N, C-alpha and C. Protein backbone atom coordinates (compact mmCIF):
# COMPACT_ATOMS: atom_id res chain seq x y z
N MET A 1 89.94 112.32 81.27
CA MET A 1 90.53 113.68 81.64
C MET A 1 91.65 114.03 80.71
N ARG A 2 91.72 115.22 80.21
CA ARG A 2 92.78 115.70 79.30
C ARG A 2 94.07 115.88 80.06
N GLY A 3 95.23 115.81 79.27
CA GLY A 3 96.44 115.89 79.85
C GLY A 3 96.71 116.99 80.81
N GLY A 4 96.28 118.23 80.41
CA GLY A 4 96.37 119.43 81.29
C GLY A 4 95.67 119.24 82.55
N ASN A 5 94.52 118.78 82.52
CA ASN A 5 93.66 118.54 83.68
C ASN A 5 94.29 117.44 84.59
N PHE A 6 94.87 116.43 83.94
CA PHE A 6 95.44 115.35 84.79
C PHE A 6 96.65 115.89 85.54
N ILE A 7 97.42 116.80 84.92
CA ILE A 7 98.60 117.36 85.56
C ILE A 7 98.12 118.19 86.77
N ILE A 8 96.99 118.96 86.57
CA ILE A 8 96.53 119.89 87.60
C ILE A 8 96.00 118.96 88.74
N LYS A 9 95.30 117.85 88.45
CA LYS A 9 94.83 116.93 89.50
C LYS A 9 95.93 116.35 90.26
N ARG A 10 97.02 115.91 89.52
CA ARG A 10 98.17 115.35 90.20
C ARG A 10 98.84 116.35 91.12
N LEU A 11 98.97 117.62 90.68
CA LEU A 11 99.62 118.67 91.58
C LEU A 11 98.74 118.85 92.80
N VAL A 12 97.49 118.83 92.60
CA VAL A 12 96.57 119.05 93.77
C VAL A 12 96.74 117.87 94.77
N ASP A 13 96.81 116.65 94.19
CA ASP A 13 96.98 115.44 95.02
C ASP A 13 98.28 115.54 95.85
N LEU A 14 99.33 115.96 95.14
CA LEU A 14 100.69 116.01 95.74
C LEU A 14 100.60 117.12 96.96
N MET A 15 100.01 118.28 96.62
CA MET A 15 99.95 119.34 97.55
C MET A 15 99.11 118.98 98.80
N PHE A 16 97.93 118.50 98.56
CA PHE A 16 96.99 118.19 99.65
C PHE A 16 97.49 116.94 100.53
N SER A 17 97.99 115.86 99.83
CA SER A 17 98.43 114.78 100.58
C SER A 17 99.70 115.13 101.50
N PHE A 18 100.63 115.92 100.96
CA PHE A 18 101.74 116.27 101.77
C PHE A 18 101.37 117.22 102.89
N ILE A 19 100.50 118.19 102.73
CA ILE A 19 99.98 118.97 103.71
C ILE A 19 99.22 118.30 104.77
N ALA A 20 98.46 117.30 104.33
CA ALA A 20 97.63 116.49 105.18
C ALA A 20 98.51 115.61 106.10
N LEU A 21 99.56 115.00 105.51
CA LEU A 21 100.52 114.11 106.21
C LEU A 21 101.14 114.88 107.28
N VAL A 22 101.60 116.08 107.01
CA VAL A 22 102.29 116.96 107.95
C VAL A 22 101.32 117.46 109.03
N THR A 23 100.20 117.96 108.63
CA THR A 23 99.19 118.55 109.56
C THR A 23 98.66 117.37 110.51
N PHE A 24 98.40 116.17 109.99
CA PHE A 24 97.88 115.15 110.79
C PHE A 24 98.81 114.21 111.43
N SER A 25 100.17 114.49 111.23
CA SER A 25 101.19 113.70 111.88
C SER A 25 100.98 113.30 113.31
N PRO A 26 100.55 114.28 114.16
CA PRO A 26 100.26 113.93 115.56
C PRO A 26 99.12 112.89 115.67
N LEU A 27 98.17 113.09 114.84
CA LEU A 27 97.00 112.09 114.87
C LEU A 27 97.45 110.76 114.34
N PHE A 28 98.41 110.66 113.39
CA PHE A 28 99.01 109.46 112.94
C PHE A 28 99.62 108.83 114.18
N ILE A 29 100.37 109.45 114.89
CA ILE A 29 101.18 108.86 116.04
C ILE A 29 100.14 108.29 117.02
N ILE A 30 99.13 109.20 117.35
CA ILE A 30 98.17 108.76 118.41
C ILE A 30 97.45 107.51 117.95
N VAL A 31 96.89 107.51 116.72
CA VAL A 31 96.22 106.28 116.29
C VAL A 31 97.17 105.10 116.12
N GLY A 32 98.39 105.35 115.74
CA GLY A 32 99.36 104.23 115.66
C GLY A 32 99.55 103.61 117.03
N ILE A 33 99.75 104.36 118.08
CA ILE A 33 99.99 103.90 119.44
C ILE A 33 98.72 103.11 119.88
N LEU A 34 97.53 103.65 119.71
CA LEU A 34 96.33 103.07 120.08
C LEU A 34 96.16 101.63 119.34
N VAL A 35 96.52 101.65 118.06
CA VAL A 35 96.36 100.39 117.27
C VAL A 35 97.38 99.32 117.90
N TYR A 36 98.56 99.73 118.20
CA TYR A 36 99.55 98.87 118.73
C TYR A 36 99.12 98.32 120.11
N VAL A 37 98.52 99.19 120.96
CA VAL A 37 98.04 98.79 122.19
C VAL A 37 96.91 97.75 122.11
N LYS A 38 95.98 97.94 121.13
CA LYS A 38 94.83 97.20 120.99
C LYS A 38 95.01 95.87 120.24
N PHE A 39 95.93 96.01 119.17
CA PHE A 39 96.12 94.85 118.32
C PHE A 39 97.58 94.29 118.26
N GLY A 40 98.49 95.10 118.80
CA GLY A 40 99.91 94.68 118.68
C GLY A 40 100.47 94.94 117.28
N ALA A 41 101.67 94.45 116.97
CA ALA A 41 102.27 94.72 115.75
C ALA A 41 101.77 93.70 114.71
N PRO A 42 101.80 94.19 113.36
CA PRO A 42 102.10 95.53 112.87
C PRO A 42 100.93 96.37 113.06
N ILE A 43 101.19 97.73 113.03
CA ILE A 43 99.98 98.66 113.12
C ILE A 43 99.41 99.03 111.74
N ILE A 44 100.17 98.66 110.74
CA ILE A 44 99.74 99.00 109.43
C ILE A 44 99.32 97.72 108.61
N PHE A 45 98.13 97.74 108.07
CA PHE A 45 97.64 96.63 107.28
C PHE A 45 97.87 97.02 105.83
N SER A 46 98.54 96.10 105.08
CA SER A 46 98.84 96.43 103.65
C SER A 46 98.28 95.29 102.81
N GLN A 47 97.84 95.62 101.64
CA GLN A 47 97.18 94.64 100.76
C GLN A 47 97.33 95.00 99.31
N ASN A 48 97.47 94.13 98.45
CA ASN A 48 97.54 94.42 97.00
C ASN A 48 96.08 94.83 96.55
N ARG A 49 96.09 96.05 95.78
CA ARG A 49 94.81 96.46 95.20
C ARG A 49 95.15 96.78 93.72
N VAL A 50 93.99 97.04 92.98
CA VAL A 50 94.14 97.26 91.63
C VAL A 50 94.05 98.76 91.36
N GLY A 51 95.02 99.27 90.60
CA GLY A 51 95.05 100.74 90.34
C GLY A 51 94.71 101.07 88.86
N LYS A 52 95.20 102.16 88.38
CA LYS A 52 95.00 102.67 87.10
C LYS A 52 95.47 101.67 86.05
N ASN A 53 94.64 101.37 85.00
CA ASN A 53 94.98 100.50 83.88
C ASN A 53 95.18 99.06 84.40
N GLY A 54 94.67 98.68 85.61
CA GLY A 54 94.81 97.36 86.12
C GLY A 54 96.03 97.09 86.71
N ASN A 55 96.91 98.08 86.94
CA ASN A 55 98.26 97.85 87.61
C ASN A 55 97.99 97.61 89.13
N ILE A 56 98.76 96.72 89.68
CA ILE A 56 98.71 96.31 91.07
C ILE A 56 99.64 97.17 91.88
N PHE A 57 99.06 97.72 93.01
CA PHE A 57 99.94 98.36 93.95
C PHE A 57 99.61 97.95 95.39
N ARG A 58 100.49 98.32 96.36
CA ARG A 58 100.26 97.93 97.76
C ARG A 58 99.61 99.13 98.49
N MET A 59 98.45 98.91 99.01
CA MET A 59 97.66 99.89 99.69
C MET A 59 97.82 99.76 101.18
N TYR A 60 98.02 100.93 101.84
CA TYR A 60 98.15 100.95 103.37
C TYR A 60 97.01 101.50 104.06
N LYS A 61 96.71 100.83 105.23
CA LYS A 61 95.63 101.27 106.20
C LYS A 61 96.08 100.98 107.54
N PHE A 62 95.54 101.58 108.54
CA PHE A 62 95.72 101.17 109.93
C PHE A 62 94.89 99.87 110.12
N ARG A 63 95.48 98.98 110.96
CA ARG A 63 94.75 97.71 111.26
C ARG A 63 93.46 98.02 112.04
N THR A 64 92.51 97.27 111.69
CA THR A 64 91.21 97.40 112.44
C THR A 64 90.73 96.02 112.97
N MET A 65 91.52 94.93 112.76
CA MET A 65 91.08 93.63 113.23
C MET A 65 92.22 92.88 113.88
N LEU A 66 91.83 92.05 114.78
CA LEU A 66 92.72 91.08 115.45
C LEU A 66 93.18 90.05 114.46
N ASN A 67 94.32 89.32 114.76
CA ASN A 67 94.78 88.24 113.99
C ASN A 67 94.41 86.87 114.56
N SER A 68 93.17 86.83 115.31
CA SER A 68 92.80 85.63 115.95
C SER A 68 92.52 84.50 114.96
N LYS A 69 93.02 83.28 115.40
CA LYS A 69 92.84 82.14 114.54
C LYS A 69 92.18 81.01 115.27
N ASN A 70 91.64 80.03 114.51
CA ASN A 70 90.98 78.95 115.08
C ASN A 70 91.89 77.82 115.47
N SER A 71 91.52 76.67 115.95
CA SER A 71 92.35 75.68 116.30
C SER A 71 93.15 75.06 115.12
N GLU A 72 92.70 75.28 113.95
CA GLU A 72 93.39 74.78 112.71
C GLU A 72 94.41 75.79 112.13
N GLY A 73 94.45 76.94 112.77
CA GLY A 73 95.35 77.88 112.30
C GLY A 73 94.91 78.90 111.30
N ASN A 74 93.63 78.82 111.03
CA ASN A 74 93.04 79.74 110.08
C ASN A 74 92.39 80.95 110.79
N LEU A 75 92.47 82.09 110.11
CA LEU A 75 91.88 83.32 110.70
C LEU A 75 90.46 83.18 110.81
N LEU A 76 89.89 83.74 111.94
CA LEU A 76 88.50 83.80 112.20
C LEU A 76 87.83 84.71 111.33
N SER A 77 86.55 84.70 111.26
CA SER A 77 85.70 85.58 110.28
C SER A 77 85.98 87.05 110.70
N ASP A 78 85.70 87.97 109.83
CA ASP A 78 85.78 89.40 109.97
C ASP A 78 85.02 89.84 111.24
N GLU A 79 83.77 89.30 111.33
CA GLU A 79 82.87 89.67 112.41
C GLU A 79 83.49 89.32 113.71
N GLU A 80 84.20 88.18 113.87
CA GLU A 80 84.79 87.86 115.12
C GLU A 80 86.09 88.54 115.38
N ARG A 81 86.74 89.06 114.41
CA ARG A 81 88.10 89.67 114.69
C ARG A 81 87.92 91.31 114.72
N LEU A 82 86.88 91.76 114.28
CA LEU A 82 86.65 93.19 114.33
C LEU A 82 86.10 93.67 115.70
N THR A 83 86.93 94.49 116.30
CA THR A 83 86.58 94.97 117.73
C THR A 83 85.78 96.19 117.68
N SER A 84 85.30 96.70 118.73
CA SER A 84 84.60 98.03 118.79
C SER A 84 85.55 99.17 118.37
N PHE A 85 86.81 98.99 118.80
CA PHE A 85 87.77 100.02 118.36
C PHE A 85 87.96 100.06 116.89
N GLY A 86 88.03 98.81 116.35
CA GLY A 86 88.24 98.67 114.90
C GLY A 86 87.02 99.29 114.20
N LYS A 87 85.75 99.16 114.68
CA LYS A 87 84.59 99.68 114.07
C LYS A 87 84.67 101.18 114.19
N PHE A 88 85.17 101.73 115.26
CA PHE A 88 85.30 103.16 115.45
C PHE A 88 86.33 103.71 114.39
N LEU A 89 87.41 103.08 114.22
CA LEU A 89 88.40 103.54 113.19
C LEU A 89 87.78 103.59 111.79
N ARG A 90 86.93 102.60 111.41
CA ARG A 90 86.36 102.45 110.15
C ARG A 90 85.23 103.52 110.03
N SER A 91 84.49 103.69 111.04
CA SER A 91 83.36 104.59 110.92
C SER A 91 83.74 106.06 110.79
N THR A 92 84.93 106.34 111.34
CA THR A 92 85.52 107.72 111.37
C THR A 92 86.47 107.80 110.15
N SER A 93 86.68 106.69 109.46
CA SER A 93 87.74 106.66 108.34
C SER A 93 89.11 106.87 108.80
N LEU A 94 89.39 106.83 110.08
CA LEU A 94 90.72 107.10 110.52
C LEU A 94 91.72 105.90 110.07
N ASP A 95 91.18 104.81 109.82
CA ASP A 95 91.93 103.72 109.35
C ASP A 95 92.50 103.91 107.99
N GLU A 96 91.90 104.91 107.24
CA GLU A 96 92.35 105.19 105.85
C GLU A 96 93.44 106.29 105.76
N LEU A 97 93.79 106.87 106.89
CA LEU A 97 94.78 107.92 106.82
C LEU A 97 96.16 107.55 106.16
N PRO A 98 96.64 106.32 106.35
CA PRO A 98 97.83 106.00 105.58
C PRO A 98 97.75 105.91 104.15
N GLU A 99 96.55 105.89 103.59
CA GLU A 99 96.41 105.99 102.15
C GLU A 99 96.94 107.23 101.56
N LEU A 100 97.13 108.26 102.43
CA LEU A 100 97.72 109.49 101.95
C LEU A 100 99.06 109.19 101.47
N ILE A 101 99.75 108.18 101.94
CA ILE A 101 101.12 107.90 101.40
C ILE A 101 100.88 107.32 100.03
N ASN A 102 99.89 106.50 99.79
CA ASN A 102 99.62 106.04 98.39
C ASN A 102 99.35 107.16 97.41
N VAL A 103 98.69 108.20 97.90
CA VAL A 103 98.38 109.38 97.06
C VAL A 103 99.62 110.10 96.79
N LEU A 104 100.56 110.32 97.65
CA LEU A 104 101.79 110.96 97.51
C LEU A 104 102.67 110.19 96.55
N LYS A 105 102.63 108.91 96.65
CA LYS A 105 103.46 108.03 95.70
C LYS A 105 102.87 107.98 94.32
N GLY A 106 101.65 108.39 94.12
CA GLY A 106 101.05 108.31 92.77
C GLY A 106 100.28 106.98 92.55
N ASP A 107 100.08 106.12 93.52
CA ASP A 107 99.31 104.94 93.32
C ASP A 107 97.84 105.26 93.26
N MET A 108 97.44 106.40 94.07
CA MET A 108 96.04 106.75 94.18
C MET A 108 95.95 108.28 94.02
N SER A 109 94.73 108.72 93.93
CA SER A 109 94.44 110.19 93.85
C SER A 109 93.42 110.44 95.07
N LEU A 110 93.29 111.76 95.40
CA LEU A 110 92.33 112.07 96.49
C LEU A 110 90.94 111.63 96.15
N ILE A 111 90.57 111.85 94.85
CA ILE A 111 89.23 111.44 94.37
C ILE A 111 89.29 110.43 93.17
N GLY A 112 88.43 109.48 93.28
CA GLY A 112 88.42 108.40 92.20
C GLY A 112 87.73 107.18 92.77
N PRO A 113 87.48 106.18 91.97
CA PRO A 113 86.82 104.96 92.41
C PRO A 113 87.69 104.33 93.43
N ARG A 114 87.11 103.73 94.44
CA ARG A 114 87.86 103.02 95.49
C ARG A 114 88.61 101.87 94.98
N PRO A 115 89.85 101.66 95.35
CA PRO A 115 90.70 100.45 94.86
C PRO A 115 90.10 99.11 95.40
N LEU A 116 89.85 98.26 94.55
CA LEU A 116 89.25 96.98 94.95
C LEU A 116 90.26 95.84 94.97
N LEU A 117 89.87 94.65 95.39
CA LEU A 117 90.72 93.52 95.52
C LEU A 117 91.20 92.91 94.18
N VAL A 118 92.43 92.40 94.16
CA VAL A 118 92.96 91.87 92.90
C VAL A 118 92.09 90.73 92.38
N GLU A 119 91.57 89.94 93.32
CA GLU A 119 90.75 88.71 93.01
C GLU A 119 89.49 89.04 92.21
N TYR A 120 89.09 90.32 92.17
CA TYR A 120 87.90 90.74 91.41
C TYR A 120 88.19 90.87 89.95
N ILE A 121 89.44 90.99 89.53
CA ILE A 121 89.82 91.33 88.16
C ILE A 121 89.11 90.39 87.06
N PRO A 122 89.18 89.07 87.29
CA PRO A 122 88.54 88.18 86.27
C PRO A 122 87.02 88.29 86.23
N LEU A 123 86.40 88.89 87.21
CA LEU A 123 84.91 88.93 87.36
C LEU A 123 84.40 90.21 86.67
N TYR A 124 85.20 91.17 86.24
CA TYR A 124 84.67 92.36 85.70
C TYR A 124 84.21 92.19 84.27
N SER A 125 83.10 92.82 83.86
CA SER A 125 82.65 92.98 82.43
C SER A 125 83.58 94.04 81.92
N GLU A 126 83.60 94.13 80.54
CA GLU A 126 84.39 95.11 79.83
C GLU A 126 84.04 96.61 80.38
N LYS A 127 82.75 96.77 80.55
CA LYS A 127 82.25 98.06 81.01
C LYS A 127 82.76 98.40 82.43
N GLN A 128 82.63 97.41 83.34
CA GLN A 128 83.05 97.54 84.76
C GLN A 128 84.48 97.85 84.83
N PHE A 129 85.27 97.27 83.91
CA PHE A 129 86.72 97.51 84.00
C PHE A 129 87.12 98.94 83.75
N LYS A 130 86.13 99.75 83.09
CA LYS A 130 86.42 101.18 82.88
C LYS A 130 86.73 101.91 84.10
N ARG A 131 86.31 101.44 85.22
CA ARG A 131 86.59 102.14 86.53
C ARG A 131 88.03 102.31 86.72
N HIS A 132 88.96 101.50 86.00
CA HIS A 132 90.33 101.48 86.04
C HIS A 132 91.04 102.43 85.06
N ASP A 133 90.21 103.17 84.40
CA ASP A 133 90.75 104.20 83.43
C ASP A 133 91.36 105.31 84.13
N VAL A 134 91.02 105.44 85.38
CA VAL A 134 91.60 106.54 86.23
C VAL A 134 92.31 106.01 87.52
N LEU A 135 92.99 106.87 88.24
CA LEU A 135 93.57 106.40 89.52
C LEU A 135 92.51 106.23 90.49
N PRO A 136 92.59 105.19 91.34
CA PRO A 136 91.57 104.94 92.41
C PRO A 136 91.78 106.04 93.43
N GLY A 137 90.74 106.32 94.23
CA GLY A 137 90.84 107.47 95.19
C GLY A 137 90.52 107.10 96.59
N LEU A 138 90.91 108.04 97.44
CA LEU A 138 90.49 108.04 98.92
C LEU A 138 89.03 107.96 99.06
N SER A 139 88.38 108.78 98.17
CA SER A 139 86.91 108.84 98.13
C SER A 139 86.46 109.02 96.65
N GLY A 140 85.19 108.71 96.48
CA GLY A 140 84.67 108.83 95.09
C GLY A 140 83.22 109.08 95.05
N TRP A 141 82.64 109.09 93.83
CA TRP A 141 81.25 109.35 93.61
C TRP A 141 80.42 108.32 94.23
N ALA A 142 80.80 107.14 94.29
CA ALA A 142 80.09 106.01 94.86
C ALA A 142 80.08 106.15 96.35
N GLN A 143 81.12 106.67 96.98
CA GLN A 143 81.31 106.76 98.43
C GLN A 143 80.34 107.88 98.94
N ILE A 144 80.13 108.91 98.21
CA ILE A 144 79.13 109.96 98.73
C ILE A 144 77.73 109.71 98.30
N ASN A 145 77.56 108.60 97.63
CA ASN A 145 76.19 108.17 97.25
C ASN A 145 75.78 106.77 97.72
N GLY A 146 76.18 106.57 98.86
CA GLY A 146 75.85 105.25 99.51
C GLY A 146 76.87 104.44 100.18
N ARG A 147 78.17 104.61 99.71
CA ARG A 147 79.25 103.85 100.19
C ARG A 147 79.02 102.35 100.36
N ASN A 148 79.00 101.73 101.49
CA ASN A 148 78.81 100.35 101.58
C ASN A 148 77.37 99.91 101.74
N THR A 149 76.45 100.88 101.58
CA THR A 149 75.00 100.54 101.70
C THR A 149 74.42 100.30 100.32
N ILE A 150 75.07 100.44 99.26
CA ILE A 150 74.48 100.25 97.93
C ILE A 150 75.03 98.91 97.38
N SER A 151 74.36 98.40 96.29
CA SER A 151 74.74 97.14 95.68
C SER A 151 76.00 97.45 94.80
N TRP A 152 76.64 96.25 94.56
CA TRP A 152 77.75 96.30 93.63
C TRP A 152 77.31 96.89 92.23
N LYS A 153 76.16 96.61 91.75
CA LYS A 153 75.64 97.12 90.46
C LYS A 153 75.66 98.68 90.48
N GLU A 154 75.04 99.17 91.59
CA GLU A 154 74.96 100.64 91.75
C GLU A 154 76.36 101.26 91.91
N LYS A 155 77.18 100.54 92.66
CA LYS A 155 78.55 101.12 92.85
C LYS A 155 79.35 101.17 91.51
N PHE A 156 79.27 100.14 90.67
CA PHE A 156 79.94 100.23 89.38
C PHE A 156 79.38 101.26 88.45
N GLU A 157 78.07 101.46 88.45
CA GLU A 157 77.47 102.49 87.68
C GLU A 157 77.85 103.87 88.05
N LEU A 158 77.99 104.09 89.38
CA LEU A 158 78.46 105.32 89.86
C LEU A 158 79.98 105.67 89.55
N ASP A 159 80.75 104.52 89.74
CA ASP A 159 82.17 104.63 89.35
C ASP A 159 82.39 104.98 87.91
N ILE A 160 81.63 104.31 87.04
CA ILE A 160 81.71 104.56 85.59
C ILE A 160 81.26 105.98 85.23
N TRP A 161 80.16 106.39 85.91
CA TRP A 161 79.73 107.73 85.67
C TRP A 161 80.77 108.82 85.98
N TYR A 162 81.45 108.50 87.12
CA TYR A 162 82.49 109.47 87.46
C TYR A 162 83.65 109.50 86.40
N VAL A 163 84.04 108.29 85.92
CA VAL A 163 85.11 108.19 84.88
C VAL A 163 84.73 109.01 83.67
N GLU A 164 83.44 108.91 83.22
CA GLU A 164 83.06 109.63 82.04
C GLU A 164 82.73 111.03 82.26
N ASN A 165 82.60 111.57 83.45
CA ASN A 165 82.20 112.90 83.72
C ASN A 165 83.15 113.67 84.70
N GLN A 166 84.33 113.13 84.92
CA GLN A 166 85.17 113.71 85.90
C GLN A 166 85.67 115.09 85.39
N SER A 167 85.80 116.00 86.47
CA SER A 167 86.25 117.30 86.32
C SER A 167 86.72 117.87 87.65
N PHE A 168 87.48 118.94 87.61
CA PHE A 168 87.96 119.57 88.88
C PHE A 168 86.79 120.01 89.75
N VAL A 169 85.72 120.56 89.25
CA VAL A 169 84.60 120.95 89.95
C VAL A 169 83.87 119.74 90.58
N LEU A 170 83.81 118.74 89.82
CA LEU A 170 83.15 117.46 90.44
C LEU A 170 84.03 116.92 91.60
N ASP A 171 85.37 116.90 91.39
CA ASP A 171 86.17 116.41 92.45
C ASP A 171 86.08 117.21 93.70
N LEU A 172 85.95 118.58 93.52
CA LEU A 172 85.87 119.44 94.65
C LEU A 172 84.53 119.17 95.39
N LYS A 173 83.48 118.92 94.63
CA LYS A 173 82.14 118.60 95.28
C LYS A 173 82.23 117.36 96.02
N ILE A 174 82.86 116.28 95.43
CA ILE A 174 83.01 115.00 96.15
C ILE A 174 83.78 115.21 97.47
N MET A 175 84.87 115.98 97.38
CA MET A 175 85.71 116.14 98.55
C MET A 175 84.95 116.88 99.63
N MET A 176 84.12 117.84 99.34
CA MET A 176 83.35 118.55 100.40
C MET A 176 82.31 117.58 100.91
N LEU A 177 81.66 116.94 100.11
CA LEU A 177 80.58 115.93 100.60
C LEU A 177 81.22 114.78 101.45
N THR A 178 82.48 114.38 100.99
CA THR A 178 83.09 113.34 101.81
C THR A 178 83.43 113.82 103.27
N ILE A 179 83.94 114.99 103.36
CA ILE A 179 84.13 115.57 104.69
C ILE A 179 82.90 115.61 105.53
N LYS A 180 81.84 115.94 104.95
CA LYS A 180 80.52 115.98 105.68
C LYS A 180 80.09 114.61 106.03
N LYS A 181 80.17 113.63 105.19
CA LYS A 181 79.76 112.26 105.49
C LYS A 181 80.62 111.62 106.53
N VAL A 182 81.96 111.95 106.55
CA VAL A 182 82.82 111.42 107.52
C VAL A 182 82.38 111.91 109.00
N PHE A 183 82.01 113.20 109.01
CA PHE A 183 81.72 113.77 110.30
C PHE A 183 80.38 113.16 110.76
N ILE A 184 79.45 112.84 109.92
CA ILE A 184 78.14 112.25 110.39
C ILE A 184 78.16 110.73 110.35
N ARG A 185 79.34 110.14 109.90
CA ARG A 185 79.62 108.70 109.83
C ARG A 185 78.43 108.00 109.24
N GLU A 186 78.20 108.35 107.95
CA GLU A 186 77.16 107.84 107.15
C GLU A 186 77.61 106.74 106.20
N GLY A 187 76.83 105.66 105.97
CA GLY A 187 77.10 104.63 105.00
C GLY A 187 78.20 103.72 105.22
N ILE A 188 78.51 103.37 106.51
CA ILE A 188 79.71 102.63 106.84
C ILE A 188 79.45 101.14 106.64
N ASP A 189 78.53 100.58 107.33
CA ASP A 189 78.29 99.07 107.33
C ASP A 189 76.94 98.77 106.74
N GLN A 190 76.88 97.74 105.98
CA GLN A 190 75.54 97.16 105.64
C GLN A 190 74.90 96.51 106.90
N SER A 191 73.65 96.45 106.95
CA SER A 191 72.92 95.99 108.09
C SER A 191 73.14 94.51 108.39
N TYR A 192 73.59 93.78 107.30
CA TYR A 192 73.78 92.31 107.49
C TYR A 192 75.31 91.93 107.46
N GLY A 193 76.09 92.92 107.61
CA GLY A 193 77.56 92.51 107.61
C GLY A 193 78.45 93.55 108.09
N VAL A 194 79.76 93.27 108.45
CA VAL A 194 80.60 94.17 108.90
C VAL A 194 81.09 95.20 107.80
N THR A 195 81.24 94.68 106.65
CA THR A 195 81.64 95.66 105.56
C THR A 195 80.90 95.23 104.41
N MET A 196 81.19 95.83 103.19
CA MET A 196 80.54 95.50 101.96
C MET A 196 80.83 94.01 101.59
N GLU A 197 79.78 93.30 101.17
CA GLU A 197 79.88 91.94 100.82
C GLU A 197 80.85 91.78 99.65
N LYS A 198 81.38 90.63 99.41
CA LYS A 198 82.35 90.36 98.26
C LYS A 198 81.62 90.50 96.95
N PHE A 199 82.37 90.96 95.94
CA PHE A 199 81.85 91.00 94.61
C PHE A 199 81.90 89.68 94.04
N ASN A 200 80.87 89.20 93.29
CA ASN A 200 80.81 87.85 92.80
C ASN A 200 80.55 87.88 91.26
N GLY A 201 80.77 89.01 90.65
CA GLY A 201 80.58 89.02 89.16
C GLY A 201 79.21 89.51 88.75
N VAL A 202 78.59 90.43 89.48
CA VAL A 202 77.26 90.98 89.09
C VAL A 202 77.37 91.88 87.91
N ASN A 203 76.49 91.62 86.89
CA ASN A 203 76.45 92.47 85.76
C ASN A 203 75.71 93.71 85.90
């Protein structure tokens, strides 16, 4: 994306993330209270993720899982810690509302490849790493074309296609389709797992 287009995209990110944070502030409070009642403190889950050019940033989400541990003090599996309320937050994408703060800070954009775990960095091929040529997003081309129901190979292909073809019109299309898919709660979980399986270096 050329410099002028990047500036426009950043201005749009700033404007919409600020408006959304103000508009949805009552929803933030309600979800925050419910998370506290269901899971206790803290209500926000934060984790290091990979941003543009491979830079690491702290991403924020509402908690969706308990901190239950086994007798040895280790966390139980995601399947055991994810409650029905947590599944509801994920399926409605309400857990991702705090990421608007990341957009406002400039860690993320409204539209772009989803930010992935830091542990995946050594596993990327040179082509796959191109997904980090742009800011990660709240939603992206892969999210409206399968989300967690597609393979890692397909996900990377879609992310790289977006990087090579990004435009304001494409971002607007992704935004509109994201809103639609959130309402119909499509593509949330794979049939054999709670969330997308871990990336293991698929080419």
